């Protein structure tokens, strides 16, 4: 009887000790989880502040909101291309555009904004050397007062141009907007709404979060950069004398042109029509420019390279393989033809 009581007492003691150990272990686990959660939140807050203050990625898109760097002075050291300035001077005004400050008599002046992608912004040309700068210098003596600014944004397509119109250019109400468009729209379909909704539509949650979070915006923008890299939309020095050359492939030409004509160009034409419509809603006269390129059915007069045969892109998205200059130009001309059609209409 005494043995049984002793065993019972020991069992109660062991249970109590085990319960106390479990309770302590749970408290330790909870503390560790709380510490991990707190340190994670603190690290994210630090990263958010860092990205807002420093902006190492050069972000200008926060979800579907364009935020231009204003009054920026930037010097780019060029170590790789002997045809560009060794030190490239790039600056923006109080709007975030390249060019002079808007005139005080804005409503009386002939005001022009140039809109496009990298071939308009001319990121690697110093101030005064981009084509909008050259056009401004050429036209200024003929119009007084006159103001022309460069609102080109590297990598932007007509998707981005519509947002720029709605958010920044439209409310300014310049008299003219010049659009150099086409190259960044090649192979682009209609907006899916997943990461780039159309203007004036309700965006998905990720886009709404990116409006207020530099971290979320950075994740989305890095993904977009990855897509741009896949589409060979980047900057690099090209020596056309060393590019490989290939012969014509009629089957490839036929299938590739048909794919763009049927799948991509109709959506592109709709966006160009939207550019015209939105511009005129803001009482801006749109001027549409077709996209030039340094390839096609011709001989380069300096190097005597046949620009028809050089390999200029790799259409991996539709498994087309390498594309020669003449075919790439024929594809781009489909988009230029859409611009001409809208202009005619």
C-alpha atoms as a PDB file:
ATOM      1  CA  UNK A   1       0.000   0.000   0.000  1.00  0.00           C
ATOM      2  CA  UNK A   2       2.822   2.426   0.915  1.00  0.00           C
ATOM      3  CA  UNK A   3       4.674   1.448  -2.311  1.00  0.00           C
ATOM      4  CA  UNK A   4       1.631   2.275  -4.368  1.00  0.00           C
ATOM      5  CA  UNK A   5       1.284   5.688  -2.727  1.00  0.00           C
ATOM      6  CA  UNK A   6       4.966   6.384  -3.342  1.00  0.00           C
ATOM      7  CA  UNK A   7       4.675   5.406  -7.012  1.00  0.00           C
ATOM      8  CA  UNK A   8       1.636   7.639  -7.365  1.00  0.00           C
ATOM      9  CA  UNK A   9       3.487  10.542  -5.760  1.00  0.00           C
ATOM     10  CA  UNK A  10       6.510  10.039  -8.031  1.00  0.00           C
ATOM     11  CA  UNK A  11       4.244   9.829 -11.078  1.00  0.00           C
ATOM     12  CA  UNK A  12       2.562  13.117 -10.134  1.00  0.00           C
ATOM     13  CA  UNK A  13       5.959  14.727  -9.648  1.00  0.00           C
ATOM     14  CA  UNK A  14       7.244  13.491 -13.030  1.00  0.00           C
ATOM     15  CA  UNK A  15       4.081  14.688 -14.754  1.00  0.00           C
ATOM     16  CA  UNK A  16       4.439  18.066 -13.126  1.00  0.00           C
ATOM     17  CA  UNK A  17       8.106  18.298 -14.110  1.00  0.00           C
ATOM     18  CA  UNK A  18       7.327  17.223 -17.680  1.00  0.00           C
ATOM     19  CA  UNK A  19       4.523  19.790 -17.915  1.00  0.00           C
ATOM     20  CA  UNK A  20       6.804  22.504 -16.607  1.00  0.00           C
ATOM     21  CA  UNK A  21       9.474  21.573 -19.180  1.00  0.00           C
ATOM     22  CA  UNK A  22       6.909  21.616 -21.985  1.00  0.00           C
ATOM     23  CA  UNK A  23       5.618  24.963 -20.804  1.00  0.00           C
ATOM     24  CA  UNK A  24       9.155  26.387 -20.708  1.00  0.00           C
ATOM     25  CA  UNK A  25       9.914  24.932 -24.163  1.00  0.00           C
ATOM     26  CA  UNK A  26       6.750  26.480 -25.592  1.00  0.00           C
ATOM     27  CA  UNK A  27       7.606  29.849 -24.077  1.00  0.00           C
ATOM     28  CA  UNK A  28      11.129  29.643 -25.516  1.00  0.00           C
ATOM     29  CA  UNK A  29       9.735  28.677 -28.925  1.00  0.00           C
ATOM     30  CA  UNK A  30       7.237  31.530 -28.807  1.00  0.00           C
ATOM     31  CA  UNK A  31      10.000  33.952 -27.865  1.00  0.00           C
ATOM     32  CA  UNK A  32      12.186  32.731 -30.719  1.00  0.00           C
ATOM     33  CA  UNK A  33       9.332  33.004 -33.207  1.00  0.00           C
ATOM     34  CA  UNK A  34       8.517  36.482 -31.927  1.00  0.00           C
ATOM     35  CA  UNK A  35      12.189  37.469 -32.208  1.00  0.00           C
ATOM     36  CA  UNK A  36      12.364  36.139 -35.780  1.00  0.00           C
ATOM     37  CA  UNK A  37       9.153  37.943 -36.692  1.00  0.00           C
ATOM     38  CA  UNK A  38      10.306  41.184 -35.090  1.00  0.00           C
ATOM     39  CA  UNK A  39      13.751  41.081 -36.717  1.00  0.00           C
ATOM     40  CA  UNK A  40      12.158  40.296 -40.092  1.00  0.00           C
ATOM     41  CA  UNK A  41       9.774  43.229 -39.786  1.00  0.00           C
ATOM     42  CA  UNK A  42      12.636  45.486 -38.684  1.00  0.00           C
ATOM     43  CA  UNK A  43      14.800  44.338 -41.612  1.00  0.00           C
ATOM     44  CA  UNK A  44      11.951  44.946 -44.071  1.00  0.00           C
ATOM     45  CA  UNK A  45      11.386  48.415 -42.633  1.00  0.00           C
ATOM     46  CA  UNK A  46      15.096  49.187 -43.003  1.00  0.00           C
ATOM     47  CA  UNK A  47      15.036  47.897 -46.600  1.00  0.00           C
ATOM     48  CA  UNK A  48      11.920  49.973 -47.354  1.00  0.00           C
ATOM     49  CA  UNK A  49      13.595  53.118 -46.015  1.00  0.00           C
ATOM     50  CA  UNK A  50      16.818  52.312 -47.884  1.00  0.00           C
ATOM     51  CA  UNK A  51      15.010  51.828 -51.223  1.00  0.00           C
ATOM     52  CA  UNK A  52      13.046  55.041 -50.767  1.00  0.00           C
ATOM     53  CA  UNK A  53      16.108  57.131 -49.853  1.00  0.00           C
ATOM     54  CA  UNK A  54      18.811  55.624 -52.085  1.00  0.00           C
ATOM     55  CA  UNK A  55      16.874  53.924 -54.935  1.00  0.00           C
ATOM     56  CA  UNK A  56      19.823  51.851 -56.239  1.00  0.00           C
ATOM     57  CA  UNK A  57      17.649  50.270 -58.934  1.00  0.00           C
ATOM     58  CA  UNK A  58      16.700  53.644 -60.369  1.00  0.00           C
ATOM     59  CA  UNK A  59      13.009  52.814 -59.992  1.00  0.00           C
ATOM     60  CA  UNK A  60      10.581  55.094 -61.780  1.00  0.00           C
ATOM     61  CA  UNK A  61       7.557  52.777 -61.622  1.00  0.00           C
ATOM     62  CA  UNK A  62       5.747  51.994 -58.380  1.00  0.00           C
ATOM     63  CA  UNK A  63       3.032  49.557 -59.379  1.00  0.00           C
ATOM     64  CA  UNK A  64       1.181  51.580 -62.010  1.00  0.00           C
ATOM     65  CA  UNK A  65       2.389  54.961 -60.768  1.00  0.00           C
ATOM     66  CA  UNK A  66       5.188  56.759 -62.615  1.00  0.00           C
ATOM     67  CA  UNK A  67       7.471  58.674 -60.234  1.00  0.00           C
ATOM     68  CA  UNK A  68      10.077  60.684 -62.134  1.00  0.00           C
ATOM     69  CA  UNK A  69      13.354  61.744 -60.489  1.00  0.00           C
ATOM     70  CA  UNK A  70      13.231  65.543 -60.394  1.00  0.00           C
ATOM     71  CA  UNK A  71      16.197  67.932 -60.569  1.00  0.00           C
ATOM     72  CA  UNK A  72      18.571  64.993 -60.933  1.00  0.00           C
ATOM     73  CA  UNK A  73      22.204  65.386 -61.955  1.00  0.00           C
ATOM     74  CA  UNK A  74      23.909  62.167 -63.010  1.00  0.00           C
ATOM     75  CA  UNK A  75      27.305  61.430 -64.512  1.00  0.00           C
ATOM     76  CA  UNK A  76      27.727  58.080 -66.270  1.00  0.00           C
ATOM     77  CA  UNK A  77      31.285  56.890 -66.875  1.00  0.00           C
ATOM     78  CA  UNK A  78      31.600  55.257 -70.275  1.00  0.00           C
ATOM     79  CA  UNK A  79      34.451  52.762 -70.400  1.00  0.00           C
ATOM     80  CA  UNK A  80      33.240  50.562 -73.231  1.00  0.00           C
ATOM     81  CA  UNK A  81      32.007  52.556 -76.222  1.00  0.00           C
ATOM     82  CA  UNK A  82      34.530  54.852 -77.942  1.00  0.00           C
ATOM     83  CA  UNK A  83      31.766  56.573 -79.946  1.00  0.00           C
ATOM     84  CA  UNK A  84      30.125  58.034 -76.828  1.00  0.00           C
ATOM     85  CA  UNK A  85      31.341  60.682 -74.414  1.00  0.00           C
ATOM     86  CA  UNK A  86      33.741  59.399 -71.783  1.00  0.00           C
ATOM     87  CA  UNK A  87      31.635  61.140 -69.142  1.00  0.00           C
ATOM     88  CA  UNK A  88      27.937  61.216 -70.036  1.00  0.00           C
ATOM     89  CA  UNK A  89      26.021  64.056 -68.366  1.00  0.00           C
ATOM     90  CA  UNK A  90      22.364  63.258 -67.737  1.00  0.00           C
ATOM     91  CA  UNK A  91      20.046  65.656 -65.910  1.00  0.00           C
ATOM     92  CA  UNK A  92      16.334  66.232 -65.384  1.00  0.00           C
ATOM     93  CA  UNK A  93      14.332  69.354 -64.622  1.00  0.00           C
ATOM     94  CA  UNK A  94      11.678  70.033 -61.970  1.00  0.00           C
ATOM     95  CA  UNK A  95       9.160  67.886 -63.880  1.00  0.00           C
ATOM     96  CA  UNK A  96      11.528  64.927 -64.227  1.00  0.00           C
ATOM     97  CA  UNK A  97      11.986  65.384 -67.998  1.00  0.00           C
ATOM     98  CA  UNK A  98      15.188  66.112 -69.909  1.00  0.00           C
ATOM     99  CA  UNK A  99      15.264  69.699 -71.108  1.00  0.00           C
ATOM    100  CA  UNK A 100      14.651  73.271 -70.040  1.00  0.00           C
ATOM    101  CA  UNK A 101      12.296  74.333 -67.294  1.00  0.00           C
ATOM    102  CA  UNK A 102       8.752  75.078 -68.519  1.00  0.00           C
ATOM    103  CA  UNK A 103       8.255  78.713 -69.557  1.00  0.00           C
ATOM    104  CA  UNK A 104       6.264  81.059 -67.368  1.00  0.00           C
ATOM    105  CA  UNK A 105       3.936  81.818 -70.266  1.00  0.00           C
ATOM    106  CA  UNK A 106       3.271  78.106 -70.815  1.00  0.00           C
ATOM    107  CA  UNK A 107      -0.179  78.631 -72.330  1.00  0.00           C
ATOM    108  CA  UNK A 108       1.134  81.117 -74.893  1.00  0.00           C
ATOM    109  CA  UNK A 109       4.193  79.111 -75.959  1.00  0.00           C
ATOM    110  CA  UNK A 110       4.358  76.305 -78.512  1.00  0.00           C
ATOM    111  CA  UNK A 111       4.906  73.483 -76.013  1.00  0.00           C
ATOM    112  CA  UNK A 112       6.037  70.043 -77.203  1.00  0.00           C
ATOM    113  CA  UNK A 113       6.759  66.826 -75.294  1.00  0.00           C
ATOM    114  CA  UNK A 114       8.630  63.926 -76.916  1.00  0.00           C
ATOM    115  CA  UNK A 115       7.476  60.512 -75.660  1.00  0.00           C
ATOM    116  CA  UNK A 116       9.045  57.125 -76.332  1.00  0.00           C
ATOM    117  CA  UNK A 117      11.418  54.490 -75.007  1.00  0.00           C
ATOM    118  CA  UNK A 118      15.207  54.369 -74.992  1.00  0.00           C
ATOM    119  CA  UNK A 119      15.444  55.747 -78.533  1.00  0.00           C
ATOM    120  CA  UNK A 120      13.771  58.914 -77.242  1.00  0.00           C
ATOM    121  CA  UNK A 121      15.287  59.228 -73.777  1.00  0.00           C
ATOM    122  CA  UNK A 122      18.787  58.568 -75.199  1.00  0.00           C
ATOM    123  CA  UNK A 123      20.141  57.676 -71.759  1.00  0.00           C
ATOM    124  CA  UNK A 124      23.721  57.293 -72.994  1.00  0.00           C
ATOM    125  CA  UNK A 125      23.856  60.594 -74.876  1.00  0.00           C
ATOM    126  CA  UNK A 126      24.891  63.678 -72.922  1.00  0.00           C
ATOM    127  CA  UNK A 127      22.564  66.600 -72.422  1.00  0.00           C
ATOM    128  CA  UNK A 128      22.045  68.464 -75.668  1.00  0.00           C
ATOM    129  CA  UNK A 129      22.774  65.482 -77.923  1.00  0.00           C
ATOM    130  CA  UNK A 130      19.501  63.536 -77.866  1.00  0.00           C
ATOM    131  CA  UNK A 131      17.219  63.996 -80.870  1.00  0.00           C
ATOM    132  CA  UNK A 132      14.638  65.977 -78.837  1.00  0.00           C
ATOM    133  CA  UNK A 133      17.465  68.335 -77.787  1.00  0.00           C
ATOM    134  CA  UNK A 134      18.638  68.694 -81.384  1.00  0.00           C
ATOM    135  CA  UNK A 135      15.043  69.252 -82.558  1.00  0.00           C
ATOM    136  CA  UNK A 136      14.540  71.908 -79.863  1.00  0.00           C
ATOM    137  CA  UNK A 137      17.686  73.756 -80.950  1.00  0.00           C
ATOM    138  CA  UNK A 138      16.616  73.592 -84.591  1.00  0.00           C
ATOM    139  CA  UNK A 139      13.020  74.716 -84.042  1.00  0.00           C
ATOM    140  CA  UNK A 140      13.450  77.374 -81.355  1.00  0.00           C
ATOM    141  CA  UNK A 141      14.381  80.220 -83.766  1.00  0.00           C
ATOM    142  CA  UNK A 142      11.183  79.613 -85.757  1.00  0.00           C
ATOM    143  CA  UNK A 143       8.791  79.759 -82.812  1.00  0.00           C
ATOM    144  CA  UNK A 144       8.764  82.287 -80.006  1.00  0.00           C
ATOM    145  CA  UNK A 145       8.135  81.335 -77.281  1.00  0.00           C
ATOM    146  CA  UNK A 146       8.991  77.655 -77.764  1.00  0.00           C
ATOM    147  CA  UNK A 147       9.573  74.774 -75.335  1.00  0.00           C
ATOM    148  CA  UNK A 148      10.370  71.112 -76.069  1.00  0.00           C
ATOM    149  CA  UNK A 149      11.097  68.488 -73.420  1.00  0.00           C
ATOM    150  CA  UNK A 150      12.199  64.867 -73.565  1.00  0.00           C
ATOM    151  CA  UNK A 151       9.800  62.594 -71.659  1.00  0.00           C
ATOM    152  CA  UNK A 152      11.256  59.364 -73.029  1.00  0.00           C
ATOM    153  CA  UNK A 153      11.548  56.504 -70.550  1.00  0.00           C
ATOM    154  CA  UNK A 154      13.978  53.696 -71.215  1.00  0.00           C
ATOM    155  CA  UNK A 155      12.168  50.402 -71.820  1.00  0.00           C
ATOM    156  CA  UNK A 156       8.682  51.890 -72.072  1.00  0.00           C
ATOM    157  CA  UNK A 157       6.200  50.698 -74.658  1.00  0.00           C
ATOM    158  CA  UNK A 158       2.782  52.087 -75.540  1.00  0.00           C
ATOM    159  CA  UNK A 159       1.551  50.532 -72.275  1.00  0.00           C
ATOM    160  CA  UNK A 160       3.768  52.934 -70.316  1.00  0.00           C
ATOM    161  CA  UNK A 161       3.112  55.845 -72.663  1.00  0.00           C
ATOM    162  CA  UNK A 162      -0.604  55.685 -71.858  1.00  0.00           C
ATOM    163  CA  UNK A 163       0.126  55.847 -68.122  1.00  0.00           C
ATOM    164  CA  UNK A 164       2.560  58.738 -68.665  1.00  0.00           C
ATOM    165  CA  UNK A 165      -0.129  60.564 -70.624  1.00  0.00           C
ATOM    166  CA  UNK A 166      -2.759  60.078 -67.939  1.00  0.00           C
ATOM    167  CA  UNK A 167      -0.578  60.821 -64.938  1.00  0.00           C
ATOM    168  CA  UNK A 168       1.920  63.499 -65.999  1.00  0.00           C
ATOM    169  CA  UNK A 169       1.826  64.793 -69.573  1.00  0.00           C
ATOM    170  CA  UNK A 170      -1.950  65.129 -69.917  1.00  0.00           C
ATOM    171  CA  UNK A 171      -2.502  67.360 -66.860  1.00  0.00           C
ATOM    172  CA  UNK A 172       0.327  69.637 -68.120  1.00  0.00           C
ATOM    173  CA  UNK A 173      -1.573  70.118 -71.405  1.00  0.00           C
ATOM    174  CA  UNK A 174       1.278  70.819 -73.814  1.00  0.00           C
ATOM    175  CA  UNK A 175       0.068  71.688 -77.276  1.00  0.00           C
ATOM    176  CA  UNK A 176       1.861  68.772 -79.004  1.00  0.00           C
ATOM    177  CA  UNK A 177       3.063  65.299 -78.000  1.00  0.00           C
ATOM    178  CA  UNK A 178       5.446  63.487 -80.339  1.00  0.00           C
ATOM    179  CA  UNK A 179       5.476  59.674 -80.038  1.00  0.00           C
ATOM    180  CA  UNK A 180       8.406  57.615 -81.331  1.00  0.00           C
ATOM    181  CA  UNK A 181       6.971  54.123 -80.845  1.00  0.00           C
ATOM    182  CA  UNK A 182       7.234  50.547 -82.022  1.00  0.00           C
ATOM    183  CA  UNK A 183      10.365  48.683 -81.024  1.00  0.00           C
ATOM    184  CA  UNK A 184       9.371  47.960 -77.415  1.00  0.00           C
ATOM    185  CA  UNK A 185       5.928  46.779 -78.527  1.00  0.00           C
ATOM    186  CA  UNK A 186       7.152  44.037 -80.839  1.00  0.00           C
ATOM    187  CA  UNK A 187       5.672  40.786 -79.553  1.00  0.00           C
ATOM    188  CA  UNK A 188       3.564  42.442 -76.844  1.00  0.00           C
ATOM    189  CA  UNK A 189      -0.013  41.261 -76.461  1.00  0.00           C
ATOM    190  CA  UNK A 190      -2.935  42.925 -74.726  1.00  0.00           C
ATOM    191  CA  UNK A 191      -2.570  43.824 -71.065  1.00  0.00           C
ATOM    192  CA  UNK A 192      -3.421  40.885 -68.827  1.00  0.00           C
ATOM    193  CA  UNK A 193      -3.854  42.962 -65.672  1.00  0.00           C
ATOM    194  CA  UNK A 194      -1.475  40.655 -63.786  1.00  0.00           C
ATOM    195  CA  UNK A 195       1.231  43.289 -63.421  1.00  0.00           C
ATOM    196  CA  UNK A 196       0.361  46.030 -65.869  1.00  0.00           C
ATOM    197  CA  UNK A 197      -3.305  46.975 -65.998  1.00  0.00           C
ATOM    198  CA  UNK A 198      -4.631  49.458 -68.462  1.00  0.00           C
ATOM    199  CA  UNK A 199      -5.026  53.083 -67.332  1.00  0.00           C
ATOM    200  CA  UNK A 200      -8.299  53.893 -65.551  1.00  0.00           C
ATOM    201  CA  UNK A 201      -8.912  50.223 -64.700  1.00  0.00           C
ATOM    202  CA  UNK A 202      -8.839  48.640 -61.246  1.00  0.00           C
ATOM    203  CA  UNK A 203      -5.346  47.126 -60.827  1.00  0.00           C
ATOM    204  CA  UNK A 204      -4.612  43.811 -59.072  1.00  0.00           C
ATOM    205  CA  UNK A 205      -3.543  43.707 -55.423  1.00  0.00           C
ATOM    206  CA  UNK A 206       0.189  43.457 -56.218  1.00  0.00           C
ATOM    207  CA  UNK A 207       0.036  46.710 -58.190  1.00  0.00           C
ATOM    208  CA  UNK A 208      -1.910  48.495 -55.449  1.00  0.00           C
ATOM    209  CA  UNK A 209       0.659  47.362 -52.867  1.00  0.00           C
ATOM    210  CA  UNK A 210       3.543  48.506 -55.084  1.00  0.00           C
ATOM    211  CA  UNK A 211       2.105  52.040 -55.120  1.00  0.00           C
ATOM    212  CA  UNK A 212       2.972  52.305 -51.419  1.00  0.00           C
ATOM    213  CA  UNK A 213       5.893  49.876 -50.999  1.00  0.00           C
ATOM    214  CA  UNK A 214       9.305  50.291 -52.615  1.00  0.00           C
ATOM    215  CA  UNK A 215      10.044  46.631 -51.826  1.00  0.00           C
ATOM    216  CA  UNK A 216       7.006  45.291 -53.675  1.00  0.00           C
ATOM    217  CA  UNK A 217       7.692  47.711 -56.526  1.00  0.00           C
ATOM    218  CA  UNK A 218      11.299  46.483 -56.706  1.00  0.00           C
ATOM    219  CA  UNK A 219      10.206  42.837 -56.909  1.00  0.00           C
ATOM    220  CA  UNK A 220       7.780  43.612 -59.738  1.00  0.00           C
ATOM    221  CA  UNK A 221      10.314  45.776 -61.571  1.00  0.00           C
ATOM    222  CA  UNK A 222      13.025  43.115 -61.292  1.00  0.00           C
ATOM    223  CA  UNK A 223      10.607  40.618 -62.814  1.00  0.00           C
ATOM    224  CA  UNK A 224       9.869  43.047 -65.622  1.00  0.00           C
ATOM    225  CA  UNK A 225      13.594  43.519 -66.203  1.00  0.00           C
ATOM    226  CA  UNK A 226      13.939  39.773 -66.481  1.00  0.00           C
ATOM    227  CA  UNK A 227      11.231  39.698 -69.120  1.00  0.00           C
ATOM    228  CA  UNK A 228      12.964  42.540 -70.982  1.00  0.00           C
ATOM    229  CA  UNK A 229      16.237  40.592 -70.910  1.00  0.00           C
ATOM    230  CA  UNK A 230      14.481  37.555 -72.371  1.00  0.00           C
ATOM    231  CA  UNK A 231      13.190  39.784 -75.171  1.00  0.00           C
ATOM    232  CA  UNK A 232      16.703  41.135 -75.886  1.00  0.00           C
ATOM    233  CA  UNK A 233      15.649  44.666 -74.894  1.00  0.00           C
ATOM    234  CA  UNK A 234      18.904  45.917 -73.472  1.00  0.00           C
ATOM    235  CA  UNK A 235      21.907  48.140 -74.151  1.00  0.00           C
ATOM    236  CA  UNK A 236      25.141  46.864 -75.600  1.00  0.00           C
ATOM    237  CA  UNK A 237      27.759  47.955 -78.069  1.00  0.00           C
ATOM    238  CA  UNK A 238      27.349  46.181 -81.404  1.00  0.00           C
ATOM    239  CA  UNK A 239      30.041  45.737 -84.038  1.00  0.00           C
ATOM    240  CA  UNK A 240      28.114  44.823 -87.168  1.00  0.00           C
ATOM    241  CA  UNK A 241      31.296  43.605 -88.866  1.00  0.00           C
ATOM    242  CA  UNK A 242      31.519  40.701 -86.404  1.00  0.00           C
ATOM    243  CA  UNK A 243      27.840  39.689 -86.343  1.00  0.00           C
ATOM    244  CA  UNK A 244      27.089  36.243 -87.795  1.00  0.00           C
ATOM    245  CA  UNK A 245      25.311  36.091 -91.134  1.00  0.00           C
ATOM    246  CA  UNK A 246      22.618  33.649 -92.194  1.00  0.00           C
ATOM    247  CA  UNK A 247      20.670  32.966 -95.345  1.00  0.00           C
ATOM    248  CA  UNK A 248      17.003  33.599 -95.979  1.00  0.00           C
ATOM    249  CA  UNK A 249      14.450  31.097 -94.647  1.00  0.00           C
ATOM    250  CA  UNK A 250      11.114  31.478 -96.393  1.00  0.00           C
ATOM    251  CA  UNK A 251       9.267  29.154 -94.021  1.00  0.00           C
ATOM    252  CA  UNK A 252      10.543  31.078 -90.989  1.00  0.00           C
ATOM    253  CA  UNK A 253       9.711  34.411 -92.599  1.00  0.00           C
ATOM    254  CA  UNK A 254       6.180  33.333 -93.407  1.00  0.00           C
ATOM    255  CA  UNK A 255       5.437  31.905 -89.946  1.00  0.00           C
ATOM    256  CA  UNK A 256       7.027  34.779 -88.024  1.00  0.00           C
ATOM    257  CA  UNK A 257       5.287  37.499 -90.008  1.00  0.00           C
ATOM    258  CA  UNK A 258       1.968  35.670 -89.678  1.00  0.00           C
ATOM    259  CA  UNK A 259       2.421  35.327 -85.899  1.00  0.00           C
ATOM    260  CA  UNK A 260       3.037  39.050 -85.443  1.00  0.00           C
ATOM    261  CA  UNK A 261       0.376  40.091 -87.935  1.00  0.00           C
ATOM    262  CA  UNK A 262      -2.323  37.995 -86.269  1.00  0.00           C
ATOM    263  CA  UNK A 263      -1.342  37.891 -82.594  1.00  0.00           C
ATOM    264  CA  UNK A 264       0.450  41.130 -81.738  1.00  0.00           C
ATOM    265  CA  UNK A 265      -0.092  43.917 -84.271  1.00  0.00           C
ATOM    266  CA  UNK A 266      -3.905  44.252 -83.817  1.00  0.00           C
ATOM    267  CA  UNK A 267      -3.428  44.848 -80.062  1.00  0.00           C
ATOM    268  CA  UNK A 268      -0.652  47.320 -80.804  1.00  0.00           C
ATOM    269  CA  UNK A 269      -2.865  49.261 -83.181  1.00  0.00           C
ATOM    270  CA  UNK A 270      -5.545  49.485 -80.473  1.00  0.00           C
ATOM    271  CA  UNK A 271      -2.993  51.004 -78.085  1.00  0.00           C
ATOM    272  CA  UNK A 272      -1.871  53.534 -80.699  1.00  0.00           C
ATOM    273  CA  UNK A 273      -5.523  54.490 -81.220  1.00  0.00           C
ATOM    274  CA  UNK A 274      -5.831  54.897 -77.448  1.00  0.00           C
ATOM    275  CA  UNK A 275      -2.801  57.216 -77.448  1.00  0.00           C
ATOM    276  CA  UNK A 276      -4.500  59.437 -80.013  1.00  0.00           C
ATOM    277  CA  UNK A 277      -7.809  59.394 -78.141  1.00  0.00           C
ATOM    278  CA  UNK A 278      -6.308  60.147 -74.713  1.00  0.00           C
ATOM    279  CA  UNK A 279      -4.077  62.876 -76.130  1.00  0.00           C
ATOM    280  CA  UNK A 280      -7.040  64.653 -77.627  1.00  0.00           C
ATOM    281  CA  UNK A 281      -9.025  64.265 -74.408  1.00  0.00           C
ATOM    282  CA  UNK A 282      -6.334  66.483 -72.889  1.00  0.00           C
ATOM    283  CA  UNK A 283      -6.435  68.797 -75.940  1.00  0.00           C
ATOM    284  CA  UNK A 284      -2.977  67.650 -77.016  1.00  0.00           C
ATOM    285  CA  UNK A 285      -2.233  67.128 -80.703  1.00  0.00           C
ATOM    286  CA  UNK A 286      -0.449  63.767 -81.121  1.00  0.00           C
ATOM    287  CA  UNK A 287       2.284  63.340 -83.724  1.00  0.00           C
ATOM    288  CA  UNK A 288       3.090  59.703 -84.498  1.00  0.00           C
ATOM    289  CA  UNK A 289       6.572  58.662 -85.618  1.00  0.00           C
ATOM    290  CA  UNK A 290       7.458  55.250 -87.030  1.00  0.00           C
ATOM    291  CA  UNK A 291      10.357  53.326 -85.509  1.00  0.00           C
ATOM    292  CA  UNK A 292      13.696  53.337 -87.360  1.00  0.00           C
ATOM    293  CA  UNK A 293      16.278  50.571 -87.031  1.00  0.00           C
ATOM    294  CA  UNK A 294      19.870  49.941 -88.084  1.00  0.00           C
ATOM    295  CA  UNK A 295      19.094  46.783 -90.045  1.00  0.00           C
ATOM    296  CA  UNK A 296      17.118  45.857 -93.130  1.00  0.00           C
ATOM    297  CA  UNK A 297      17.475  45.274 -96.853  1.00  0.00           C
ATOM    298  CA  UNK A 298      20.455  47.557 -97.448  1.00  0.00           C
ATOM    299  CA  UNK A 299      24.232  47.851 -97.343  1.00  0.00           C
ATOM    300  CA  UNK A 300      25.864  49.876 -94.584  1.00  0.00           C
ATOM    301  CA  UNK A 301      27.734  52.645 -96.448  1.00  0.00           C
ATOM    302  CA  UNK A 302      30.574  52.836 -93.919  1.00  0.00           C
ATOM    303  CA  UNK A 303      31.434  49.174 -93.365  1.00  0.00           C
ATOM    304  CA  UNK A 304      29.810  47.739 -96.531  1.00  0.00           C
ATOM    305  CA  UNK A 305      28.175  45.077 -94.363  1.00  0.00           C
ATOM    306  CA  UNK A 306      25.020  43.543 -95.801  1.00  0.00           C
ATOM    307  CA  UNK A 307      22.407  44.499 -93.170  1.00  0.00           C
ATOM    308  CA  UNK A 308      19.983  42.037 -94.744  1.00  0.00           C
ATOM    309  CA  UNK A 309      21.914  38.947 -93.643  1.00  0.00           C
ATOM    310  CA  UNK A 310      23.219  39.825 -90.162  1.00  0.00           C
ATOM    311  CA  UNK A 311      21.633  38.103 -87.148  1.00  0.00           C
ATOM    312  CA  UNK A 312      19.841  40.757 -85.084  1.00  0.00           C
ATOM    313  CA  UNK A 313      17.570  38.808 -82.711  1.00  0.00           C
ATOM    314  CA  UNK A 314      16.665  35.399 -81.381  1.00  0.00           C
ATOM    315  CA  UNK A 315      12.915  34.741 -81.321  1.00  0.00           C
ATOM    316  CA  UNK A 316      12.968  32.078 -78.610  1.00  0.00           C
ATOM    317  CA  UNK A 317       9.459  32.923 -77.421  1.00  0.00           C
ATOM    318  CA  UNK A 318       7.883  31.366 -80.488  1.00  0.00           C
ATOM    319  CA  UNK A 319      10.772  28.974 -81.196  1.00  0.00           C
ATOM    320  CA  UNK A 320      11.640  30.780 -84.395  1.00  0.00           C
ATOM    321  CA  UNK A 321      15.382  30.813 -83.806  1.00  0.00           C
ATOM    322  CA  UNK A 322      17.784  33.394 -85.209  1.00  0.00           C
ATOM    323  CA  UNK A 323      16.332  36.248 -87.236  1.00  0.00           C
ATOM    324  CA  UNK A 324      18.263  38.081 -89.946  1.00  0.00           C
ATOM    325  CA  UNK A 325      18.157  41.820 -90.565  1.00  0.00           C
ATOM    326  CA  UNK A 326      15.723  41.824 -93.473  1.00  0.00           C
ATOM    327  CA  UNK A 327      13.170  39.673 -91.634  1.00  0.00           C
ATOM    328  CA  UNK A 328      13.521  41.708 -88.410  1.00  0.00           C
ATOM    329  CA  UNK A 329      12.861  44.870 -90.407  1.00  0.00           C
ATOM    330  CA  UNK A 330       9.835  43.295 -92.121  1.00  0.00           C
ATOM    331  CA  UNK A 331       8.442  42.433 -88.675  1.00  0.00           C
ATOM    332  CA  UNK A 332       9.050  45.960 -87.363  1.00  0.00           C
ATOM    333  CA  UNK A 333       7.402  47.406 -90.477  1.00  0.00           C
ATOM    334  CA  UNK A 334       4.171  45.606 -89.547  1.00  0.00           C
ATOM    335  CA  UNK A 335       4.079  47.781 -86.418  1.00  0.00           C
ATOM    336  CA  UNK A 336       5.094  50.866 -88.387  1.00  0.00           C
ATOM    337  CA  UNK A 337       2.277  50.145 -90.838  1.00  0.00           C
ATOM    338  CA  UNK A 338      -0.174  50.086 -87.912  1.00  0.00           C
ATOM    339  CA  UNK A 339       1.084  53.549 -86.908  1.00  0.00           C
ATOM    340  CA  UNK A 340       0.664  54.776 -90.481  1.00  0.00           C
ATOM    341  CA  UNK A 341      -2.877  53.384 -90.584  1.00  0.00           C
ATOM    342  CA  UNK A 342      -3.859  55.133 -87.364  1.00  0.00           C
ATOM    343  CA  UNK A 343      -2.266  58.340 -88.593  1.00  0.00           C
ATOM    344  CA  UNK A 344      -4.187  58.111 -91.861  1.00  0.00           C
ATOM    345  CA  UNK A 345      -7.452  57.421 -90.046  1.00  0.00           C
END
